[in-house]
């Protein structure tokens, strides 16, 4: 299992947009084999941050998602709301 954590730094308008954006992301990623879940969270420490967690069965499933056209397109929709570039971390199950 792989969990991708993306940290987005968005304007106030971007955080409102993000709520609908996640729904679109969920609908798109549900079509990808090996995709398991996506959920958004906010940071209690920094109000400009929103966090997105995505779960994939394995590296192959993750690469299938990031190499697709839909990934680049939907990620591009957040660009106009960015205060700074997003950051990501990868967590891999050890069991």
PDB file of N, CA and C in Angstrom:
ATOM      1  N   UNK A   1       0.843  -1.172   0.000  1.00  0.00           N
ATOM      2  CA  UNK A   1       0.000   0.000   0.000  1.00  0.00           C
ATOM      3  C   UNK A   1       0.889   1.235   0.000  1.00  0.00           C
ATOM      4  N   UNK A   2       0.470   2.237  -0.758  1.00  0.00           N
ATOM      5  CA  UNK A   2       1.166   3.520  -0.826  1.00  0.00           C
ATOM      6  C   UNK A   2       0.177   4.613  -0.462  1.00  0.00           C
ATOM      7  N   UNK A   3       0.611   5.508   0.407  1.00  0.00           N
ATOM      8  CA  UNK A   3      -0.177   6.694   0.723  1.00  0.00           C
ATOM      9  C   UNK A   3       0.606   7.901   0.237  1.00  0.00           C
ATOM     10  N   UNK A   4      -0.033   8.706  -0.580  1.00  0.00           N
ATOM     11  CA  UNK A   4       0.559   9.960  -1.045  1.00  0.00           C
ATOM     12  C   UNK A   4      -0.065  11.088  -0.240  1.00  0.00           C
ATOM     13  N   UNK A   5       0.779  11.937   0.295  1.00  0.00           N
ATOM     14  CA  UNK A   5       0.323  13.101   1.060  1.00  0.00           C
ATOM     15  C   UNK A   5       0.769  14.347   0.311  1.00  0.00           C
ATOM     16  N   UNK A   6      -0.183  15.131  -0.135  1.00  0.00           N
ATOM     17  CA  UNK A   6       0.120  16.387  -0.824  1.00  0.00           C
ATOM     18  C   UNK A   6      -0.324  17.540   0.060  1.00  0.00           C
ATOM     19  N   UNK A   7       0.562  18.476   0.256  1.00  0.00           N
ATOM     20  CA  UNK A   7       0.300  19.656   1.066  1.00  0.00           C
ATOM     21  C   UNK A   7       0.157  20.841   0.113  1.00  0.00           C
ATOM     22  N   UNK A   8      -1.025  21.434   0.112  1.00  0.00           N
ATOM     23  CA  UNK A   8      -1.306  22.555  -0.775  1.00  0.00           C
ATOM     24  C   UNK A   8      -1.431  23.838   0.036  1.00  0.00           C
ATOM     25  N   UNK A   9      -0.880  24.914  -0.494  1.00  0.00           N
ATOM     26  CA  UNK A   9      -0.910  26.225   0.155  1.00  0.00           C
ATOM     27  C   UNK A   9      -1.782  27.123  -0.717  1.00  0.00           C
ATOM     28  N   UNK A  10      -3.015  27.352  -0.283  1.00  0.00           N
ATOM     29  CA  UNK A  10      -4.008  27.998  -1.140  1.00  0.00           C
ATOM     30  C   UNK A  10      -4.547  29.290  -0.538  1.00  0.00           C
ATOM     31  N   UNK A  11      -5.023  30.146  -1.416  1.00  0.00           N
ATOM     32  CA  UNK A  11      -5.715  31.356  -0.996  1.00  0.00           C
ATOM     33  C   UNK A  11      -7.051  30.969  -0.364  1.00  0.00           C
ATOM     34  N   UNK A  12      -7.725  31.940   0.234  1.00  0.00           N
ATOM     35  CA  UNK A  12      -9.046  31.679   0.819  1.00  0.00           C
ATOM     36  C   UNK A  12     -10.006  31.168  -0.250  1.00  0.00           C
ATOM     37  N   UNK A  13      -9.957  31.764  -1.436  1.00  0.00           N
ATOM     38  CA  UNK A  13     -10.808  31.305  -2.535  1.00  0.00           C
ATOM     39  C   UNK A  13     -10.428  29.890  -2.958  1.00  0.00           C
ATOM     40  N   UNK A  14      -9.145  29.601  -2.916  1.00  0.00           N
ATOM     41  CA  UNK A  14      -8.664  28.279  -3.282  1.00  0.00           C
ATOM     42  C   UNK A  14      -9.137  27.200  -2.322  1.00  0.00           C
ATOM     43  N   UNK A  15      -9.202  27.531  -1.048  1.00  0.00           N
ATOM     44  CA  UNK A  15      -9.677  26.551  -0.068  1.00  0.00           C
ATOM     45  C   UNK A  15     -11.161  26.247  -0.275  1.00  0.00           C
ATOM     46  N   UNK A  16     -11.928  27.243  -0.681  1.00  0.00           N
ATOM     47  CA  UNK A  16     -13.343  27.004  -1.002  1.00  0.00           C
ATOM     48  C   UNK A  16     -13.439  26.137  -2.255  1.00  0.00           C
ATOM     49  N   UNK A  17     -12.672  26.480  -3.288  1.00  0.00           N
ATOM     50  CA  UNK A  17     -12.640  25.704  -4.527  1.00  0.00           C
ATOM     51  C   UNK A  17     -12.187  24.264  -4.264  1.00  0.00           C
ATOM     52  N   UNK A  18     -11.233  24.101  -3.366  1.00  0.00           N
ATOM     53  CA  UNK A  18     -10.664  22.796  -3.051  1.00  0.00           C
ATOM     54  C   UNK A  18     -11.738  21.790  -2.639  1.00  0.00           C
ATOM     55  N   UNK A  19     -12.741  22.239  -1.916  1.00  0.00           N
ATOM     56  CA  UNK A  19     -13.795  21.342  -1.448  1.00  0.00           C
ATOM     57  C   UNK A  19     -14.527  20.686  -2.625  1.00  0.00           C
ATOM     58  N   UNK A  20     -14.849  21.451  -3.646  1.00  0.00           N
ATOM     59  CA  UNK A  20     -15.496  20.890  -4.839  1.00  0.00           C
ATOM     60  C   UNK A  20     -14.495  20.126  -5.694  1.00  0.00           C
ATOM     61  N   UNK A  21     -13.280  20.625  -5.737  1.00  0.00           N
ATOM     62  CA  UNK A  21     -12.213  20.001  -6.519  1.00  0.00           C
ATOM     63  C   UNK A  21     -11.978  18.567  -6.052  1.00  0.00           C
ATOM     64  N   UNK A  22     -11.997  18.350  -4.738  1.00  0.00           N
ATOM     65  CA  UNK A  22     -11.783  17.002  -4.192  1.00  0.00           C
ATOM     66  C   UNK A  22     -12.880  16.053  -4.650  1.00  0.00           C
ATOM     67  N   UNK A  23     -14.102  16.525  -4.738  1.00  0.00           N
ATOM     68  CA  UNK A  23     -15.203  15.679  -5.215  1.00  0.00           C
ATOM     69  C   UNK A  23     -14.948  15.238  -6.653  1.00  0.00           C
ATOM     70  N   UNK A  24     -14.471  16.152  -7.478  1.00  0.00           N
ATOM     71  CA  UNK A  24     -14.133  15.813  -8.861  1.00  0.00           C
ATOM     72  C   UNK A  24     -12.979  14.822  -8.895  1.00  0.00           C
ATOM     73  N   UNK A  25     -11.967  15.068  -8.073  1.00  0.00           N
ATOM     74  CA  UNK A  25     -10.823  14.158  -7.986  1.00  0.00           C
ATOM     75  C   UNK A  25     -11.275  12.756  -7.586  1.00  0.00           C
ATOM     76  N   UNK A  26     -12.150  12.659  -6.610  1.00  0.00           N
ATOM     77  CA  UNK A  26     -12.652  11.355  -6.171  1.00  0.00           C
ATOM     78  C   UNK A  26     -13.357  10.617  -7.302  1.00  0.00           C
ATOM     79  N   UNK A  27     -14.153  11.332  -8.083  1.00  0.00           N
ATOM     80  CA  UNK A  27     -14.871  10.698  -9.192  1.00  0.00           C
ATOM     81  C   UNK A  27     -13.904  10.206 -10.264  1.00  0.00           C
ATOM     82  N   UNK A  28     -12.873  10.979 -10.531  1.00  0.00           N
ATOM     83  CA  UNK A  28     -11.897  10.600 -11.559  1.00  0.00           C
ATOM     84  C   UNK A  28     -11.057   9.411 -11.099  1.00  0.00           C
ATOM     85  N   UNK A  29     -10.512   9.487  -9.906  1.00  0.00           N
ATOM     86  CA  UNK A  29      -9.605   8.441  -9.443  1.00  0.00           C
ATOM     87  C   UNK A  29     -10.314   7.116  -9.183  1.00  0.00           C
ATOM     88  N   UNK A  30     -11.590   7.160  -8.929  1.00  0.00           N
ATOM     89  CA  UNK A  30     -12.352   5.921  -8.701  1.00  0.00           C
ATOM     90  C   UNK A  30     -12.294   4.994  -9.912  1.00  0.00           C
ATOM     91  N   UNK A  31     -12.016   5.537 -11.082  1.00  0.00           N
ATOM     92  CA  UNK A  31     -11.936   4.743 -12.312  1.00  0.00           C
ATOM     93  C   UNK A  31     -10.595   4.033 -12.478  1.00  0.00           C
ATOM     94  N   UNK A  32      -9.616   4.375 -11.636  1.00  0.00           N
ATOM     95  CA  UNK A  32      -8.271   3.827 -11.796  1.00  0.00           C
ATOM     96  C   UNK A  32      -8.096   2.543 -10.978  1.00  0.00           C
ATOM     97  N   UNK A  33      -7.713   1.447 -11.637  1.00  0.00           N
ATOM     98  CA  UNK A  33      -7.452   0.200 -10.905  1.00  0.00           C
ATOM     99  C   UNK A  33      -6.334   0.406  -9.880  1.00  0.00           C
ATOM    100  N   UNK A  34      -6.537  -0.099  -8.694  1.00  0.00           N
ATOM    101  CA  UNK A  34      -5.530   0.016  -7.652  1.00  0.00           C
ATOM    102  C   UNK A  34      -5.648   1.266  -6.810  1.00  0.00           C
ATOM    103  N   UNK A  35      -6.544   2.161  -7.178  1.00  0.00           N
ATOM    104  CA  UNK A  35      -6.796   3.332  -6.352  1.00  0.00           C
ATOM    105  C   UNK A  35      -7.745   2.909  -5.243  1.00  0.00           C
ATOM    106  N   UNK A  36      -7.479   3.365  -4.019  1.00  0.00           N
ATOM    107  CA  UNK A  36      -8.303   2.934  -2.890  1.00  0.00           C
ATOM    108  C   UNK A  36      -9.104   4.067  -2.263  1.00  0.00           C
ATOM    109  N   UNK A  37      -8.470   5.192  -1.954  1.00  0.00           N
ATOM    110  CA  UNK A  37      -9.189   6.248  -1.228  1.00  0.00           C
ATOM    111  C   UNK A  37      -8.506   7.596  -1.403  1.00  0.00           C
ATOM    112  N   UNK A  38      -9.291   8.635  -1.178  1.00  0.00           N
ATOM    113  CA  UNK A  38      -8.763   9.999  -1.138  1.00  0.00           C
ATOM    114  C   UNK A  38      -9.545  10.751  -0.067  1.00  0.00           C
ATOM    115  N   UNK A  39      -8.821  11.529   0.718  1.00  0.00           N
ATOM    116  CA  UNK A  39      -9.523  12.359   1.689  1.00  0.00           C
ATOM    117  C   UNK A  39      -8.733  13.637   1.938  1.00  0.00           C
ATOM    118  N   UNK A  40      -9.449  14.742   2.081  1.00  0.00           N
ATOM    119  CA  UNK A  40      -8.817  16.026   2.376  1.00  0.00           C
ATOM    120  C   UNK A  40      -8.822  16.289   3.885  1.00  0.00           C
ATOM    121  N   UNK A  41      -7.862  17.089   4.322  1.00  0.00           N
ATOM    122  CA  UNK A  41      -7.807  17.524   5.718  1.00  0.00           C
ATOM    123  C   UNK A  41      -7.259  18.947   5.739  1.00  0.00           C
ATOM    124  N   UNK A  42      -7.525  19.653   6.803  1.00  0.00           N
ATOM    125  CA  UNK A  42      -6.952  20.985   6.975  1.00  0.00           C
ATOM    126  C   UNK A  42      -5.928  20.937   8.098  1.00  0.00           C
ATOM    127  N   UNK A  43      -5.050  21.901   8.078  1.00  0.00           N
ATOM    128  CA  UNK A  43      -4.034  22.006   9.112  1.00  0.00           C
ATOM    129  C   UNK A  43      -4.549  22.917  10.221  1.00  0.00           C
ATOM    130  N   UNK A  44      -4.488  22.437  11.443  1.00  0.00           N
ATOM    131  CA  UNK A  44      -4.873  23.278  12.563  1.00  0.00           C
ATOM    132  C   UNK A  44      -3.798  24.284  12.920  1.00  0.00           C
ATOM    133  N   UNK A  45      -2.600  24.085  12.373  1.00  0.00           N
ATOM    134  CA  UNK A  45      -1.471  24.950  12.689  1.00  0.00           C
ATOM    135  C   UNK A  45      -1.264  26.069  11.679  1.00  0.00           C
ATOM    136  N   UNK A  46      -1.687  25.846  10.444  1.00  0.00           N
ATOM    137  CA  UNK A  46      -1.500  26.859   9.409  1.00  0.00           C
ATOM    138  C   UNK A  46      -2.753  26.888   8.541  1.00  0.00           C
ATOM    139  N   UNK A  47      -3.502  27.944   8.626  1.00  0.00           N
ATOM    140  CA  UNK A  47      -4.785  28.024   7.939  1.00  0.00           C
ATOM    141  C   UNK A  47      -4.671  28.121   6.421  1.00  0.00           C
ATOM    142  N   UNK A  48      -3.482  28.388   5.903  1.00  0.00           N
ATOM    143  CA  UNK A  48      -3.292  28.458   4.455  1.00  0.00           C
ATOM    144  C   UNK A  48      -3.063  27.081   3.839  1.00  0.00           C
ATOM    145  N   UNK A  49      -2.946  26.057   4.654  1.00  0.00           N
ATOM    146  CA  UNK A  49      -2.642  24.715   4.157  1.00  0.00           C
ATOM    147  C   UNK A  49      -3.885  23.836   4.095  1.00  0.00           C
ATOM    148  N   UNK A  50      -3.959  23.059   3.044  1.00  0.00           N
ATOM    149  CA  UNK A  50      -4.901  21.947   2.979  1.00  0.00           C
ATOM    150  C   UNK A  50      -4.072  20.723   2.598  1.00  0.00           C
ATOM    151  N   UNK A  51      -4.487  19.591   3.100  1.00  0.00           N
ATOM    152  CA  UNK A  51      -3.739  18.358   2.882  1.00  0.00           C
ATOM    153  C   UNK A  51      -4.628  17.346   2.173  1.00  0.00           C
ATOM    154  N   UNK A  52      -4.026  16.607   1.294  1.00  0.00           N
ATOM    155  CA  UNK A  52      -4.746  15.593   0.549  1.00  0.00           C
ATOM    156  C   UNK A  52      -3.997  14.276   0.706  1.00  0.00           C
ATOM    157  N   UNK A  53      -4.726  13.243   1.093  1.00  0.00           N
ATOM    158  CA  UNK A  53      -4.153  11.912   1.231  1.00  0.00           C
ATOM    159  C   UNK A  53      -4.816  10.997   0.208  1.00  0.00           C
ATOM    160  N   UNK A  54      -3.997  10.264  -0.525  1.00  0.00           N
ATOM    161  CA  UNK A  54      -4.500   9.325  -1.524  1.00  0.00           C
ATOM    162  C   UNK A  54      -3.856   7.972  -1.268  1.00  0.00           C
ATOM    163  N   UNK A  55      -4.650   6.914  -1.356  1.00  0.00           N
ATOM    164  CA  UNK A  55      -4.163   5.565  -1.085  1.00  0.00           C
ATOM    165  C   UNK A  55      -4.233   4.740  -2.371  1.00  0.00           C
ATOM    166  N   UNK A  56      -3.122   4.081  -2.676  1.00  0.00           N
ATOM    167  CA  UNK A  56      -3.025   3.218  -3.853  1.00  0.00           C
ATOM    168  C   UNK A  56      -2.553   1.840  -3.407  1.00  0.00           C
ATOM    169  N   UNK A  57      -2.932   0.829  -4.147  1.00  0.00           N
ATOM    170  CA  UNK A  57      -2.562  -0.549  -3.811  1.00  0.00           C
ATOM    171  C   UNK A  57      -1.049  -0.757  -3.871  1.00  0.00           C
ATOM    172  N   UNK A  58      -0.403  -0.135  -4.866  1.00  0.00           N
ATOM    173  CA  UNK A  58       1.028  -0.335  -5.057  1.00  0.00           C
ATOM    174  C   UNK A  58       1.578   0.755  -5.963  1.00  0.00           C
ATOM    175  N   UNK A  59       2.867   0.673  -6.229  1.00  0.00           N
ATOM    176  CA  UNK A  59       3.545   1.676  -7.059  1.00  0.00           C
ATOM    177  C   UNK A  59       2.992   1.699  -8.485  1.00  0.00           C
ATOM    178  N   UNK A  60       2.649   0.545  -8.998  1.00  0.00           N
ATOM    179  CA  UNK A  60       2.099   0.478 -10.360  1.00  0.00           C
ATOM    180  C   UNK A  60       0.798   1.266 -10.445  1.00  0.00           C
ATOM    181  N   UNK A  61      -0.070   1.095  -9.468  1.00  0.00           N
ATOM    182  CA  UNK A  61      -1.343   1.823  -9.458  1.00  0.00           C
ATOM    183  C   UNK A  61      -1.093   3.323  -9.345  1.00  0.00           C
ATOM    184  N   UNK A  62      -0.159   3.712  -8.494  1.00  0.00           N
ATOM    185  CA  UNK A  62       0.166   5.133  -8.350  1.00  0.00           C
ATOM    186  C   UNK A  62       0.713   5.709  -9.661  1.00  0.00           C
ATOM    187  N   UNK A  63       1.636   5.002 -10.291  1.00  0.00           N
ATOM    188  CA  UNK A  63       2.219   5.487 -11.548  1.00  0.00           C
ATOM    189  C   UNK A  63       1.171   5.583 -12.651  1.00  0.00           C
ATOM    190  N   UNK A  64       0.220   4.676 -12.646  1.00  0.00           N
ATOM    191  CA  UNK A  64      -0.874   4.730 -13.618  1.00  0.00           C
ATOM    192  C   UNK A  64      -1.626   6.060 -13.477  1.00  0.00           C
ATOM    193  N   UNK A  65      -1.855   6.475 -12.234  1.00  0.00           N
ATOM    194  CA  UNK A  65      -2.566   7.734 -11.979  1.00  0.00           C
ATOM    195  C   UNK A  65      -1.720   8.952 -12.365  1.00  0.00           C
ATOM    196  N   UNK A  66      -0.484   9.027 -11.903  1.00  0.00           N
ATOM    197  CA  UNK A  66       0.312  10.231 -12.155  1.00  0.00           C
ATOM    198  C   UNK A  66       0.754  10.366 -13.603  1.00  0.00           C
ATOM    199  N   UNK A  67       0.775   9.301 -14.357  1.00  0.00           N
ATOM    200  CA  UNK A  67       1.185   9.397 -15.757  1.00  0.00           C
ATOM    201  C   UNK A  67       0.013   9.706 -16.692  1.00  0.00           C
ATOM    202  N   UNK A  68      -1.176   9.726 -16.155  1.00  0.00           N
ATOM    203  CA  UNK A  68      -2.353   9.987 -16.975  1.00  0.00           C
ATOM    204  C   UNK A  68      -2.608  11.465 -17.202  1.00  0.00           C
ATOM    205  N   UNK A  69      -3.319  11.764 -18.280  1.00  0.00           N
ATOM    206  CA  UNK A  69      -3.646  13.154 -18.621  1.00  0.00           C
ATOM    207  C   UNK A  69      -4.527  13.805 -17.571  1.00  0.00           C
ATOM    208  N   UNK A  70      -5.399  13.031 -16.960  1.00  0.00           N
ATOM    209  CA  UNK A  70      -6.329  13.600 -15.981  1.00  0.00           C
ATOM    210  C   UNK A  70      -5.601  14.125 -14.747  1.00  0.00           C
ATOM    211  N   UNK A  71      -4.514  13.493 -14.377  1.00  0.00           N
ATOM    212  CA  UNK A  71      -3.735  13.952 -13.226  1.00  0.00           C
ATOM    213  C   UNK A  71      -3.206  15.365 -13.463  1.00  0.00           C
ATOM    214  N   UNK A  72      -2.562  15.575 -14.574  1.00  0.00           N
ATOM    215  CA  UNK A  72      -2.004  16.898 -14.883  1.00  0.00           C
ATOM    216  C   UNK A  72      -3.103  17.948 -15.017  1.00  0.00           C
ATOM    217  N   UNK A  73      -4.192  17.577 -15.642  1.00  0.00           N
ATOM    218  CA  UNK A  73      -5.283  18.533 -15.846  1.00  0.00           C
ATOM    219  C   UNK A  73      -5.897  18.977 -14.532  1.00  0.00           C
ATOM    220  N   UNK A  74      -6.248  18.029 -13.689  1.00  0.00           N
ATOM    221  CA  UNK A  74      -6.933  18.395 -12.444  1.00  0.00           C
ATOM    222  C   UNK A  74      -5.986  19.118 -11.485  1.00  0.00           C
ATOM    223  N   UNK A  75      -4.730  18.731 -11.456  1.00  0.00           N
ATOM    224  CA  UNK A  75      -3.769  19.420 -10.614  1.00  0.00           C
ATOM    225  C   UNK A  75      -3.578  20.866 -11.083  1.00  0.00           C
ATOM    226  N   UNK A  76      -3.613  21.061 -12.386  1.00  0.00           N
ATOM    227  CA  UNK A  76      -3.489  22.403 -12.951  1.00  0.00           C
ATOM    228  C   UNK A  76      -4.608  23.343 -12.541  1.00  0.00           C
ATOM    229  N   UNK A  77      -5.759  22.789 -12.192  1.00  0.00           N
ATOM    230  CA  UNK A  77      -6.888  23.622 -11.773  1.00  0.00           C
ATOM    231  C   UNK A  77      -6.615  24.357 -10.463  1.00  0.00           C
ATOM    232  N   UNK A  78      -5.692  23.856  -9.667  1.00  0.00           N
ATOM    233  CA  UNK A  78      -5.365  24.509  -8.393  1.00  0.00           C
ATOM    234  C   UNK A  78      -4.316  25.608  -8.534  1.00  0.00           C
ATOM    235  N   UNK A  79      -3.623  25.639  -9.648  1.00  0.00           N
ATOM    236  CA  UNK A  79      -2.482  26.540  -9.826  1.00  0.00           C
ATOM    237  C   UNK A  79      -2.829  28.007  -9.560  1.00  0.00           C
ATOM    238  N   UNK A  80      -3.967  28.455 -10.031  1.00  0.00           N
ATOM    239  CA  UNK A  80      -4.324  29.877  -9.880  1.00  0.00           C
ATOM    240  C   UNK A  80      -4.565  30.262  -8.425  1.00  0.00           C
ATOM    241  N   UNK A  81      -4.752  29.291  -7.554  1.00  0.00           N
ATOM    242  CA  UNK A  81      -5.031  29.556  -6.144  1.00  0.00           C
ATOM    243  C   UNK A  81      -3.817  29.344  -5.233  1.00  0.00           C
ATOM    244  N   UNK A  82      -2.698  28.954  -5.803  1.00  0.00           N
ATOM    245  CA  UNK A  82      -1.525  28.613  -4.996  1.00  0.00           C
ATOM    246  C   UNK A  82      -0.841  29.854  -4.425  1.00  0.00           C
ATOM    247  N   UNK A  83      -0.500  29.768  -3.145  1.00  0.00           N
ATOM    248  CA  UNK A  83       0.342  30.783  -2.516  1.00  0.00           C
ATOM    249  C   UNK A  83       1.815  30.423  -2.684  1.00  0.00           C
ATOM    250  N   UNK A  84       2.086  29.138  -2.812  1.00  0.00           N
ATOM    251  CA  UNK A  84       3.422  28.613  -3.076  1.00  0.00           C
ATOM    252  C   UNK A  84       3.242  27.203  -3.638  1.00  0.00           C
ATOM    253  N   UNK A  85       4.275  26.649  -4.248  1.00  0.00           N
ATOM    254  CA  UNK A  85       4.146  25.306  -4.826  1.00  0.00           C
ATOM    255  C   UNK A  85       3.769  24.262  -3.771  1.00  0.00           C
ATOM    256  N   UNK A  86       3.008  23.275  -4.202  1.00  0.00           N
ATOM    257  CA  UNK A  86       2.606  22.197  -3.309  1.00  0.00           C
ATOM    258  C   UNK A  86       3.789  21.284  -3.044  1.00  0.00           C
ATOM    259  N   UNK A  87       3.696  20.529  -1.967  1.00  0.00           N
ATOM    260  CA  UNK A  87       4.735  19.581  -1.586  1.00  0.00           C
ATOM    261  C   UNK A  87       4.090  18.218  -1.366  1.00  0.00           C
ATOM    262  N   UNK A  88       4.859  17.177  -1.590  1.00  0.00           N
ATOM    263  CA  UNK A  88       4.300  15.829  -1.435  1.00  0.00           C
ATOM    264  C   UNK A  88       5.280  14.907  -0.719  1.00  0.00           C
ATOM    265  N   UNK A  89       4.707  13.930  -0.028  1.00  0.00           N
ATOM    266  CA  UNK A  89       5.482  12.861   0.612  1.00  0.00           C
ATOM    267  C   UNK A  89       4.814  11.541   0.243  1.00  0.00           C
ATOM    268  N   UNK A  90       5.631  10.509   0.244  1.00  0.00           N
ATOM    269  CA  UNK A  90       5.144   9.165  -0.039  1.00  0.00           C
ATOM    270  C   UNK A  90       5.378   8.284   1.175  1.00  0.00           C
ATOM    271  N   UNK A  91       4.354   7.538   1.549  1.00  0.00           N
ATOM    272  CA  UNK A  91       4.457   6.576   2.648  1.00  0.00           C
ATOM    273  C   UNK A  91       4.155   5.193   2.074  1.00  0.00           C
ATOM    274  N   UNK A  92       5.025   4.234   2.378  1.00  0.00           N
ATOM    275  CA  UNK A  92       4.887   2.876   1.866  1.00  0.00           C
ATOM    276  C   UNK A  92       4.736   1.920   3.040  1.00  0.00           C
ATOM    277  N   UNK A  93       3.743   1.058   2.944  1.00  0.00           N
ATOM    278  CA  UNK A  93       3.478   0.080   3.999  1.00  0.00           C
ATOM    279  C   UNK A  93       4.666  -0.872   4.126  1.00  0.00           C
ATOM    280  N   UNK A  94       5.029  -1.178   5.365  1.00  0.00           N
ATOM    281  CA  UNK A  94       6.125  -2.131   5.581  1.00  0.00           C
ATOM    282  C   UNK A  94       5.621  -3.515   5.935  1.00  0.00           C
ATOM    283  N   UNK A  95       4.319  -3.703   5.956  1.00  0.00           N
ATOM    284  CA  UNK A  95       3.802  -5.040   6.279  1.00  0.00           C
ATOM    285  C   UNK A  95       3.241  -5.721   5.057  1.00  0.00           C
TER     286      UNK A  95
END
